[in-house]
Amino acid sequence: MIEYRDVYKAFDVPVLSGVSFTVETGETLAILGPSGTGKSVLLKTTIGLIVPDAGDVFIDGQSVFAADANQLQTLRRKAGYVFQNAALFDSMNVFENVAYGLPEGALKKLGRREVTRRVARSLEEVNLDPSVVLTKLPAELSGGMRKRVGLARAIVGEPQILLYDEPVTGLDPVNAVAVDRLITDIAERTHVTSIVVTHDVEGALSISDRVSLLEGGKLRFLGTPDEFRRSADPLVRAFADRQAAVEAALAGSARSSRMADAKTPVLP
């Protein structure tokens, strides 16, 4: 279980303003919200990649920010992180990139044969053929393949938690749906706890047990996909319904125009 408890963070201006909620073990939770509202910042606090100004995060009852170095390392081993742009090492081939997701010293401890077996299995789980991609460099892969390699690296260590930061950003609709299916398949097969930060609303609603919406650094909504679709909250409706989003954007433009007109001086 992951618990965010009254998390605050500011970078010159407030980004997170007292966010609190719990993600149950084995649950898939999507985090939606406008750009710049702190979604990725919140995700990074989960394993201490960003330190909040106040508040804490607990993983299975253990505080992330009261943990000493050894305890924090243990907590981080429980999690796999899928970065927005895959974050592969350009100078490493696919084998080396995926193996990097194993604990430090794995090659010496497990031996190359076992590491190769684990890397190949992880690639197969994300629908990549090891015999085709193992020796390729990231530059030789398509965007969709790089995303899959990043996901393989995240799961190779058999984590209990998977953290996804914009996993389908930059992908065409076909590859985006394929990645969403992988997220669902992995969750169903391994019962891993998953948190998915995304702007892809339909994808989020299709893969999650619950959906959250951050706005202005605060938790605006938390509920099931059906509750999200039925919500009367104007912002939630704007995310769930394209027509409502258009209406909200037009209303915002109209307000801005009226404010600009009101400030325009009348010349004699």
C-alpha atoms as a PDB file:
ATOM      1  CA  MET A   1       0.000   0.000   0.000  1.00  0.00           C
ATOM      2  CA  ILE A   2       1.178   3.515  -0.815  1.00  0.00           C
ATOM      3  CA  GLU A   3      -0.037   6.461   1.237  1.00  0.00           C
ATOM      4  CA  TYR A   4       0.527  10.117   0.352  1.00  0.00           C
ATOM      5  CA  ARG A   5       0.054  12.136   3.510  1.00  0.00           C
ATOM      6  CA  ASP A   6      -0.409  15.922   3.236  1.00  0.00           C
ATOM      7  CA  VAL A   7       2.312  16.364   0.590  1.00  0.00           C
ATOM      8  CA  TYR A   8       3.439  19.933  -0.179  1.00  0.00           C
ATOM      9  CA  LYS A   9       6.013  21.048  -2.754  1.00  0.00           C
ATOM     10  CA  ALA A  10       6.863  24.410  -4.293  1.00  0.00           C
ATOM     11  CA  PHE A  11       9.310  25.520  -6.970  1.00  0.00           C
ATOM     12  CA  ASP A  12       9.095  29.307  -6.534  1.00  0.00           C
ATOM     13  CA  VAL A  13       5.321  28.805  -6.755  1.00  0.00           C
ATOM     14  CA  PRO A  14       3.244  26.054  -5.047  1.00  0.00           C
ATOM     15  CA  VAL A  15       3.001  22.837  -7.053  1.00  0.00           C
ATOM     16  CA  LEU A  16       1.505  20.435  -4.501  1.00  0.00           C
ATOM     17  CA  SER A  17      -0.657  21.832  -1.708  1.00  0.00           C
ATOM     18  CA  GLY A  18      -1.495  19.141   0.819  1.00  0.00           C
ATOM     19  CA  VAL A  19      -2.191  16.090  -1.333  1.00  0.00           C
ATOM     20  CA  SER A  20      -3.414  13.033   0.588  1.00  0.00           C
ATOM     21  CA  PHE A  21      -4.715   9.688  -0.671  1.00  0.00           C
ATOM     22  CA  THR A  22      -3.958   5.967  -0.544  1.00  0.00           C
ATOM     23  CA  VAL A  23      -3.254   3.455  -3.304  1.00  0.00           C
ATOM     24  CA  GLU A  24      -4.203  -0.061  -2.278  1.00  0.00           C
ATOM     25  CA  THR A  25      -1.955  -3.059  -2.868  1.00  0.00           C
ATOM     26  CA  GLY A  26      -2.533  -4.478  -6.355  1.00  0.00           C
ATOM     27  CA  GLU A  27      -4.552  -1.441  -7.485  1.00  0.00           C
ATOM     28  CA  THR A  28      -3.976   0.539 -10.675  1.00  0.00           C
ATOM     29  CA  LEU A  29      -4.519   4.261 -10.111  1.00  0.00           C
ATOM     30  CA  ALA A  30      -4.346   6.884 -12.865  1.00  0.00           C
ATOM     31  CA  ILE A  31      -3.434  10.502 -12.102  1.00  0.00           C
ATOM     32  CA  LEU A  32      -4.912  13.064 -14.482  1.00  0.00           C
ATOM     33  CA  GLY A  33      -4.841  16.842 -14.439  1.00  0.00           C
ATOM     34  CA  PRO A  34      -3.908  19.984 -16.351  1.00  0.00           C
ATOM     35  CA  SER A  35      -0.288  20.475 -17.375  1.00  0.00           C
ATOM     36  CA  GLY A  36       1.886  21.866 -14.601  1.00  0.00           C
ATOM     37  CA  THR A  37      -0.368  20.753 -11.785  1.00  0.00           C
ATOM     38  CA  GLY A  38       2.201  18.528 -10.083  1.00  0.00           C
ATOM     39  CA  LYS A  39       1.372  15.034 -11.359  1.00  0.00           C
ATOM     40  CA  SER A  40       4.929  14.000 -12.188  1.00  0.00           C
ATOM     41  CA  VAL A  41       6.275  15.771  -9.102  1.00  0.00           C
ATOM     42  CA  LEU A  42       3.914  13.729  -6.922  1.00  0.00           C
ATOM     43  CA  LEU A  43       4.958  10.524  -8.696  1.00  0.00           C
ATOM     44  CA  LYS A  44       8.635  11.256  -8.045  1.00  0.00           C
ATOM     45  CA  THR A  45       8.008  11.778  -4.326  1.00  0.00           C
ATOM     46  CA  THR A  46       6.821   8.148  -4.139  1.00  0.00           C
ATOM     47  CA  ILE A  47      10.365   6.811  -3.988  1.00  0.00           C
ATOM     48  CA  GLY A  48      12.145   9.969  -2.873  1.00  0.00           C
ATOM     49  CA  LEU A  49      13.321  11.253  -6.254  1.00  0.00           C
ATOM     50  CA  ILE A  50      11.852  14.602  -5.175  1.00  0.00           C
ATOM     51  CA  VAL A  51      11.709  15.581  -1.507  1.00  0.00           C
ATOM     52  CA  PRO A  52       8.510  17.379  -0.480  1.00  0.00           C
ATOM     53  CA  ASP A  53       8.637  20.591   1.557  1.00  0.00           C
ATOM     54  CA  ALA A  54       6.170  19.027   3.998  1.00  0.00           C
ATOM     55  CA  GLY A  55       4.247  15.794   4.348  1.00  0.00           C
ATOM     56  CA  ASP A  56       5.382  12.250   3.718  1.00  0.00           C
ATOM     57  CA  VAL A  57       4.849   9.140   1.627  1.00  0.00           C
ATOM     58  CA  PHE A  58       4.522   5.688   3.176  1.00  0.00           C
ATOM     59  CA  ILE A  59       5.144   2.387   1.387  1.00  0.00           C
ATOM     60  CA  ASP A  60       3.775  -0.593   3.304  1.00  0.00           C
ATOM     61  CA  GLY A  61       3.841   1.529   6.447  1.00  0.00           C
ATOM     62  CA  GLN A  62       7.470   2.658   6.029  1.00  0.00           C
ATOM     63  CA  SER A  63       8.089   6.391   5.729  1.00  0.00           C
ATOM     64  CA  VAL A  64      10.044   7.267   2.593  1.00  0.00           C
ATOM     65  CA  PHE A  65      11.433  10.500   4.015  1.00  0.00           C
ATOM     66  CA  ALA A  66      12.229   9.289   7.516  1.00  0.00           C
ATOM     67  CA  ALA A  67      14.100   6.300   6.051  1.00  0.00           C
ATOM     68  CA  ASP A  68      17.877   6.063   6.309  1.00  0.00           C
ATOM     69  CA  ALA A  69      19.962   5.346   3.206  1.00  0.00           C
ATOM     70  CA  ASN A  70      19.676   1.557   3.493  1.00  0.00           C
ATOM     71  CA  GLN A  71      15.939   1.663   4.167  1.00  0.00           C
ATOM     72  CA  LEU A  72      15.399   4.015   1.215  1.00  0.00           C
ATOM     73  CA  GLN A  73      17.359   1.691  -1.061  1.00  0.00           C
ATOM     74  CA  THR A  74      15.179  -1.211   0.091  1.00  0.00           C
ATOM     75  CA  LEU A  75      12.020   0.800  -0.631  1.00  0.00           C
ATOM     76  CA  ARG A  76      13.285   1.770  -4.074  1.00  0.00           C
ATOM     77  CA  ARG A  77      13.978  -1.875  -4.924  1.00  0.00           C
ATOM     78  CA  LYS A  78      10.257  -2.487  -4.521  1.00  0.00           C
ATOM     79  CA  ALA A  79       9.497  -0.084  -7.383  1.00  0.00           C
ATOM     80  CA  GLY A  80      10.041   0.078 -11.114  1.00  0.00           C
ATOM     81  CA  TYR A  81       9.908   3.502 -12.778  1.00  0.00           C
ATOM     82  CA  VAL A  82       8.879   4.060 -16.395  1.00  0.00           C
ATOM     83  CA  PHE A  83      10.144   7.488 -17.433  1.00  0.00           C
ATOM     84  CA  GLN A  84       8.268   9.771 -19.800  1.00  0.00           C
ATOM     85  CA  ASN A  85      10.800   9.504 -22.627  1.00  0.00           C
ATOM     86  CA  ALA A  86      11.971   5.961 -21.761  1.00  0.00           C
ATOM     87  CA  ALA A  87      15.281   7.478 -20.499  1.00  0.00           C
ATOM     88  CA  LEU A  88      17.399   4.784 -22.130  1.00  0.00           C
ATOM     89  CA  PHE A  89      21.168   5.139 -22.121  1.00  0.00           C
ATOM     90  CA  ASP A  90      22.170   6.003 -25.681  1.00  0.00           C
ATOM     91  CA  SER A  91      25.550   4.266 -25.468  1.00  0.00           C
ATOM     92  CA  MET A  92      24.100   1.001 -24.100  1.00  0.00           C
ATOM     93  CA  ASN A  93      22.384  -1.660 -26.161  1.00  0.00           C
ATOM     94  CA  VAL A  94      18.975  -3.072 -25.238  1.00  0.00           C
ATOM     95  CA  PHE A  95      20.435  -5.894 -23.148  1.00  0.00           C
ATOM     96  CA  GLU A  96      22.520  -3.465 -21.088  1.00  0.00           C
ATOM     97  CA  ASN A  97      19.645  -1.003 -20.674  1.00  0.00           C
ATOM     98  CA  VAL A  98      17.218  -3.652 -19.422  1.00  0.00           C
ATOM     99  CA  ALA A  99      19.808  -5.351 -17.200  1.00  0.00           C
ATOM    100  CA  TYR A 100      20.387  -1.969 -15.553  1.00  0.00           C
ATOM    101  CA  GLY A 101      16.998  -2.476 -13.895  1.00  0.00           C
ATOM    102  CA  LEU A 102      18.365  -5.405 -11.875  1.00  0.00           C
ATOM    103  CA  PRO A 103      19.912  -4.839  -8.421  1.00  0.00           C
ATOM    104  CA  GLU A 104      23.492  -3.591  -8.377  1.00  0.00           C
ATOM    105  CA  GLY A 105      25.951  -6.453  -8.746  1.00  0.00           C
ATOM    106  CA  ALA A 106      23.375  -8.771 -10.339  1.00  0.00           C
ATOM    107  CA  LEU A 107      25.719  -9.812 -13.164  1.00  0.00           C
ATOM    108  CA  LYS A 108      28.389 -10.954 -10.687  1.00  0.00           C
ATOM    109  CA  LYS A 109      25.892 -12.543  -8.299  1.00  0.00           C
ATOM    110  CA  LEU A 110      23.585 -14.248 -10.803  1.00  0.00           C
ATOM    111  CA  GLY A 111      25.921 -14.862 -13.714  1.00  0.00           C
ATOM    112  CA  ARG A 112      25.505 -13.697 -17.301  1.00  0.00           C
ATOM    113  CA  ARG A 113      23.321 -16.650 -18.327  1.00  0.00           C
ATOM    114  CA  GLU A 114      20.699 -15.926 -15.635  1.00  0.00           C
ATOM    115  CA  VAL A 115      20.782 -12.171 -16.271  1.00  0.00           C
ATOM    116  CA  THR A 116      20.313 -12.821 -20.000  1.00  0.00           C
ATOM    117  CA  ARG A 117      17.382 -15.126 -19.232  1.00  0.00           C
ATOM    118  CA  ARG A 118      15.702 -12.472 -17.054  1.00  0.00           C
ATOM    119  CA  VAL A 119      16.294  -9.712 -19.606  1.00  0.00           C
ATOM    120  CA  ALA A 120      14.921 -11.882 -22.431  1.00  0.00           C
ATOM    121  CA  ARG A 121      11.842 -12.793 -20.371  1.00  0.00           C
ATOM    122  CA  SER A 122      11.144  -9.121 -19.623  1.00  0.00           C
ATOM    123  CA  LEU A 123      11.425  -8.221 -23.296  1.00  0.00           C
ATOM    124  CA  GLU A 124       9.048 -11.034 -24.222  1.00  0.00           C
ATOM    125  CA  GLU A 125       6.565  -9.765 -21.615  1.00  0.00           C
ATOM    126  CA  VAL A 126       6.430  -6.420 -23.442  1.00  0.00           C
ATOM    127  CA  ASN A 127       6.084  -8.155 -26.828  1.00  0.00           C
ATOM    128  CA  LEU A 128       9.624  -7.613 -28.072  1.00  0.00           C
ATOM    129  CA  ASP A 129      11.669 -10.421 -29.634  1.00  0.00           C
ATOM    130  CA  PRO A 130      14.977 -10.675 -27.721  1.00  0.00           C
ATOM    131  CA  SER A 131      16.749 -12.231 -30.696  1.00  0.00           C
ATOM    132  CA  VAL A 132      15.906  -9.125 -32.731  1.00  0.00           C
ATOM    133  CA  VAL A 133      16.463  -6.273 -30.263  1.00  0.00           C
ATOM    134  CA  LEU A 134      19.013  -7.405 -27.637  1.00  0.00           C
ATOM    135  CA  THR A 135      22.059  -5.935 -29.398  1.00  0.00           C
ATOM    136  CA  LYS A 136      20.376  -2.846 -30.838  1.00  0.00           C
ATOM    137  CA  LEU A 137      21.088   0.675 -29.587  1.00  0.00           C
ATOM    138  CA  PRO A 138      18.180   2.989 -28.639  1.00  0.00           C
ATOM    139  CA  ALA A 139      18.764   5.062 -31.786  1.00  0.00           C
ATOM    140  CA  GLU A 140      17.941   1.978 -33.872  1.00  0.00           C
ATOM    141  CA  LEU A 141      14.514   1.549 -32.254  1.00  0.00           C
ATOM    142  CA  SER A 142      11.181   3.196 -32.989  1.00  0.00           C
ATOM    143  CA  GLY A 143       9.533   5.373 -30.354  1.00  0.00           C
ATOM    144  CA  GLY A 144       7.120   2.592 -29.433  1.00  0.00           C
ATOM    145  CA  MET A 145       9.940   0.077 -29.096  1.00  0.00           C
ATOM    146  CA  ARG A 146      11.943   2.429 -26.867  1.00  0.00           C
ATOM    147  CA  LYS A 147       8.903   2.776 -24.589  1.00  0.00           C
ATOM    148  CA  ARG A 148       8.660  -1.016 -24.383  1.00  0.00           C
ATOM    149  CA  VAL A 149      12.339  -1.371 -23.568  1.00  0.00           C
ATOM    150  CA  GLY A 150      11.880   1.185 -20.802  1.00  0.00           C
ATOM    151  CA  LEU A 151       8.973  -0.869 -19.469  1.00  0.00           C
ATOM    152  CA  ALA A 152      11.044  -4.080 -19.692  1.00  0.00           C
ATOM    153  CA  ARG A 153      13.754  -2.400 -17.613  1.00  0.00           C
ATOM    154  CA  ALA A 154      11.154  -1.401 -15.014  1.00  0.00           C
ATOM    155  CA  ILE A 155       9.798  -4.948 -14.616  1.00  0.00           C
ATOM    156  CA  VAL A 156      12.998  -6.995 -14.902  1.00  0.00           C
ATOM    157  CA  GLY A 157      13.589  -6.764 -11.151  1.00  0.00           C
ATOM    158  CA  GLU A 158      10.071  -8.092 -10.438  1.00  0.00           C
ATOM    159  CA  PRO A 159       8.929  -4.989  -8.516  1.00  0.00           C
ATOM    160  CA  GLN A 160       5.894  -4.790  -6.268  1.00  0.00           C
ATOM    161  CA  ILE A 161       5.168  -1.246  -7.508  1.00  0.00           C
ATOM    162  CA  LEU A 162       5.245   0.243 -11.016  1.00  0.00           C
ATOM    163  CA  LEU A 163       5.310   4.008 -11.499  1.00  0.00           C
ATOM    164  CA  TYR A 164       4.497   5.245 -15.009  1.00  0.00           C
ATOM    165  CA  ASP A 165       5.260   8.839 -15.997  1.00  0.00           C
ATOM    166  CA  GLU A 166       3.342   9.651 -19.207  1.00  0.00           C
ATOM    167  CA  PRO A 167       3.864   6.170 -20.721  1.00  0.00           C
ATOM    168  CA  VAL A 168       2.047   6.917 -24.007  1.00  0.00           C
ATOM    169  CA  THR A 169       3.215  10.491 -24.630  1.00  0.00           C
ATOM    170  CA  GLY A 170       4.548  10.854 -28.173  1.00  0.00           C
ATOM    171  CA  LEU A 171       3.083   7.571 -29.399  1.00  0.00           C
ATOM    172  CA  ASP A 172       0.599   7.168 -32.231  1.00  0.00           C
ATOM    173  CA  PRO A 173      -2.864   5.825 -31.243  1.00  0.00           C
ATOM    174  CA  VAL A 174      -2.037   2.220 -32.174  1.00  0.00           C
ATOM    175  CA  ASN A 175       1.134   2.115 -30.072  1.00  0.00           C
ATOM    176  CA  ALA A 176      -0.582   4.008 -27.248  1.00  0.00           C
ATOM    177  CA  VAL A 177      -3.300   1.356 -27.041  1.00  0.00           C
ATOM    178  CA  ALA A 178      -0.628  -1.374 -27.170  1.00  0.00           C
ATOM    179  CA  VAL A 179       1.207   0.155 -24.198  1.00  0.00           C
ATOM    180  CA  ASP A 180      -2.059   0.521 -22.274  1.00  0.00           C
ATOM    181  CA  ARG A 181      -2.737  -3.171 -22.858  1.00  0.00           C
ATOM    182  CA  LEU A 182       0.738  -4.035 -21.580  1.00  0.00           C
ATOM    183  CA  ILE A 183       0.104  -2.023 -18.401  1.00  0.00           C
ATOM    184  CA  THR A 184      -3.146  -3.921 -17.861  1.00  0.00           C
ATOM    185  CA  ASP A 185      -1.629  -7.316 -18.704  1.00  0.00           C
ATOM    186  CA  ILE A 186       1.305  -6.815 -16.335  1.00  0.00           C
ATOM    187  CA  ALA A 187      -0.994  -5.674 -13.518  1.00  0.00           C
ATOM    188  CA  GLU A 188      -3.315  -8.646 -13.979  1.00  0.00           C
ATOM    189  CA  ARG A 189      -0.486 -11.159 -14.256  1.00  0.00           C
ATOM    190  CA  THR A 190       1.718  -9.927 -11.403  1.00  0.00           C
ATOM    191  CA  HIS A 191      -0.784  -8.084  -9.144  1.00  0.00           C
ATOM    192  CA  VAL A 192       1.683  -5.195  -9.008  1.00  0.00           C
ATOM    193  CA  THR A 193       0.531  -1.860  -7.565  1.00  0.00           C
ATOM    194  CA  SER A 194       0.538   0.655 -10.438  1.00  0.00           C
ATOM    195  CA  ILE A 195       0.350   4.454 -10.550  1.00  0.00           C
ATOM    196  CA  VAL A 196       0.008   5.975 -14.017  1.00  0.00           C
ATOM    197  CA  VAL A 197       0.478   9.700 -14.658  1.00  0.00           C
ATOM    198  CA  THR A 198      -1.061  10.500 -18.037  1.00  0.00           C
ATOM    199  CA  HIS A 199      -2.863  13.030 -20.212  1.00  0.00           C
ATOM    200  CA  ASP A 200      -4.566  10.218 -22.122  1.00  0.00           C
ATOM    201  CA  VAL A 201      -8.000  10.281 -20.481  1.00  0.00           C
ATOM    202  CA  GLU A 202      -9.571   7.404 -22.402  1.00  0.00           C
ATOM    203  CA  GLY A 203      -6.515   5.258 -21.820  1.00  0.00           C
ATOM    204  CA  ALA A 204      -6.561   6.088 -18.104  1.00  0.00           C
ATOM    205  CA  LEU A 205     -10.225   5.168 -17.800  1.00  0.00           C
ATOM    206  CA  SER A 206      -9.657   1.860 -19.586  1.00  0.00           C
ATOM    207  CA  ILE A 207      -6.702   0.641 -17.503  1.00  0.00           C
ATOM    208  CA  SER A 208      -7.424   1.896 -13.971  1.00  0.00           C
ATOM    209  CA  ASP A 209      -9.316   0.690 -10.957  1.00  0.00           C
ATOM    210  CA  ARG A 210      -9.549   4.301  -9.787  1.00  0.00           C
ATOM    211  CA  VAL A 211      -8.824   7.698 -11.289  1.00  0.00           C
ATOM    212  CA  SER A 212      -7.596  10.829  -9.543  1.00  0.00           C
ATOM    213  CA  LEU A 213      -7.548  14.401 -10.808  1.00  0.00           C
ATOM    214  CA  LEU A 214      -5.077  17.012  -9.569  1.00  0.00           C
ATOM    215  CA  GLU A 215      -5.825  20.679 -10.058  1.00  0.00           C
ATOM    216  CA  GLY A 216      -4.021  23.636  -8.569  1.00  0.00           C
ATOM    217  CA  GLY A 217      -1.837  21.313  -6.528  1.00  0.00           C
ATOM    218  CA  LYS A 218      -4.817  19.736  -4.798  1.00  0.00           C
ATOM    219  CA  LEU A 219      -6.756  16.503  -5.217  1.00  0.00           C
ATOM    220  CA  ARG A 220      -9.919  17.521  -7.074  1.00  0.00           C
ATOM    221  CA  PHE A 221     -11.370  14.040  -7.683  1.00  0.00           C
ATOM    222  CA  LEU A 222     -10.775  10.432  -6.673  1.00  0.00           C
ATOM    223  CA  GLY A 223     -13.075   7.604  -7.725  1.00  0.00           C
ATOM    224  CA  THR A 224     -13.763   4.808 -10.171  1.00  0.00           C
ATOM    225  CA  PRO A 225     -13.791   5.356 -13.940  1.00  0.00           C
ATOM    226  CA  ASP A 226     -17.620   5.167 -13.906  1.00  0.00           C
ATOM    227  CA  GLU A 227     -17.792   7.780 -11.146  1.00  0.00           C
ATOM    228  CA  PHE A 228     -15.409   9.950 -13.153  1.00  0.00           C
ATOM    229  CA  ARG A 229     -17.628   9.747 -16.239  1.00  0.00           C
ATOM    230  CA  ARG A 230     -20.747  10.589 -14.207  1.00  0.00           C
ATOM    231  CA  SER A 231     -19.217  13.407 -12.172  1.00  0.00           C
ATOM    232  CA  ALA A 232     -20.958  16.792 -12.227  1.00  0.00           C
ATOM    233  CA  ASP A 233     -17.708  18.622 -11.425  1.00  0.00           C
ATOM    234  CA  PRO A 234     -17.065  21.006 -14.360  1.00  0.00           C
ATOM    235  CA  LEU A 235     -13.340  20.246 -14.525  1.00  0.00           C
ATOM    236  CA  VAL A 236     -13.897  16.492 -14.382  1.00  0.00           C
ATOM    237  CA  ARG A 237     -16.538  16.824 -17.104  1.00  0.00           C
ATOM    238  CA  ALA A 238     -14.066  18.787 -19.219  1.00  0.00           C
ATOM    239  CA  PHE A 239     -11.609  15.899 -18.971  1.00  0.00           C
ATOM    240  CA  ALA A 240     -14.212  13.171 -19.455  1.00  0.00           C
ATOM    241  CA  ASP A 241     -16.163  14.807 -22.282  1.00  0.00           C
ATOM    242  CA  ARG A 242     -14.539  16.546 -25.255  1.00  0.00           C
ATOM    243  CA  GLN A 243     -17.611  18.733 -25.854  1.00  0.00           C
ATOM    244  CA  ALA A 244     -17.524  19.858 -22.223  1.00  0.00           C
ATOM    245  CA  ALA A 245     -13.823  20.647 -22.664  1.00  0.00           C
ATOM    246  CA  VAL A 246     -14.601  22.788 -25.732  1.00  0.00           C
ATOM    247  CA  GLU A 247     -17.307  24.634 -23.816  1.00  0.00           C
ATOM    248  CA  ALA A 248     -14.966  25.218 -20.878  1.00  0.00           C
ATOM    249  CA  ALA A 249     -12.242  26.528 -23.178  1.00  0.00           C
ATOM    250  CA  LEU A 250     -14.671  28.872 -24.944  1.00  0.00           C
ATOM    251  CA  ALA A 251     -15.994  30.107 -21.604  1.00  0.00           C
ATOM    252  CA  GLY A 252     -12.441  30.765 -20.437  1.00  0.00           C
ATOM    253  CA  SER A 253     -11.644  32.658 -23.645  1.00  0.00           C
ATOM    254  CA  ALA A 254     -14.796  34.746 -23.278  1.00  0.00           C
ATOM    255  CA  ARG A 255     -13.898  35.654 -19.679  1.00  0.00           C
ATOM    256  CA  SER A 256     -10.381  36.632 -20.742  1.00  0.00           C
ATOM    257  CA  SER A 257     -11.759  38.832 -23.537  1.00  0.00           C
ATOM    258  CA  ARG A 258     -14.177  40.586 -21.180  1.00  0.00           C
ATOM    259  CA  MET A 259     -11.371  41.227 -18.689  1.00  0.00           C
ATOM    260  CA  ALA A 260      -9.131  42.602 -21.450  1.00  0.00           C
ATOM    261  CA  ASP A 261     -11.938  44.859 -22.697  1.00  0.00           C
ATOM    262  CA  ALA A 262     -12.585  46.118 -19.184  1.00  0.00           C
ATOM    263  CA  LYS A 263      -8.906  47.062 -18.786  1.00  0.00           C
ATOM    264  CA  THR A 264      -8.639  48.803 -22.156  1.00  0.00           C
ATOM    265  CA  PRO A 265      -8.654  52.593 -21.618  1.00  0.00           C
ATOM    266  CA  VAL A 266     -11.241  54.618 -23.514  1.00  0.00           C
ATOM    267  CA  LEU A 267      -9.546  57.346 -25.498  1.00  0.00           C
ATOM    268  CA  PRO A 268     -11.208  60.797 -25.633  1.00  0.00           C
END
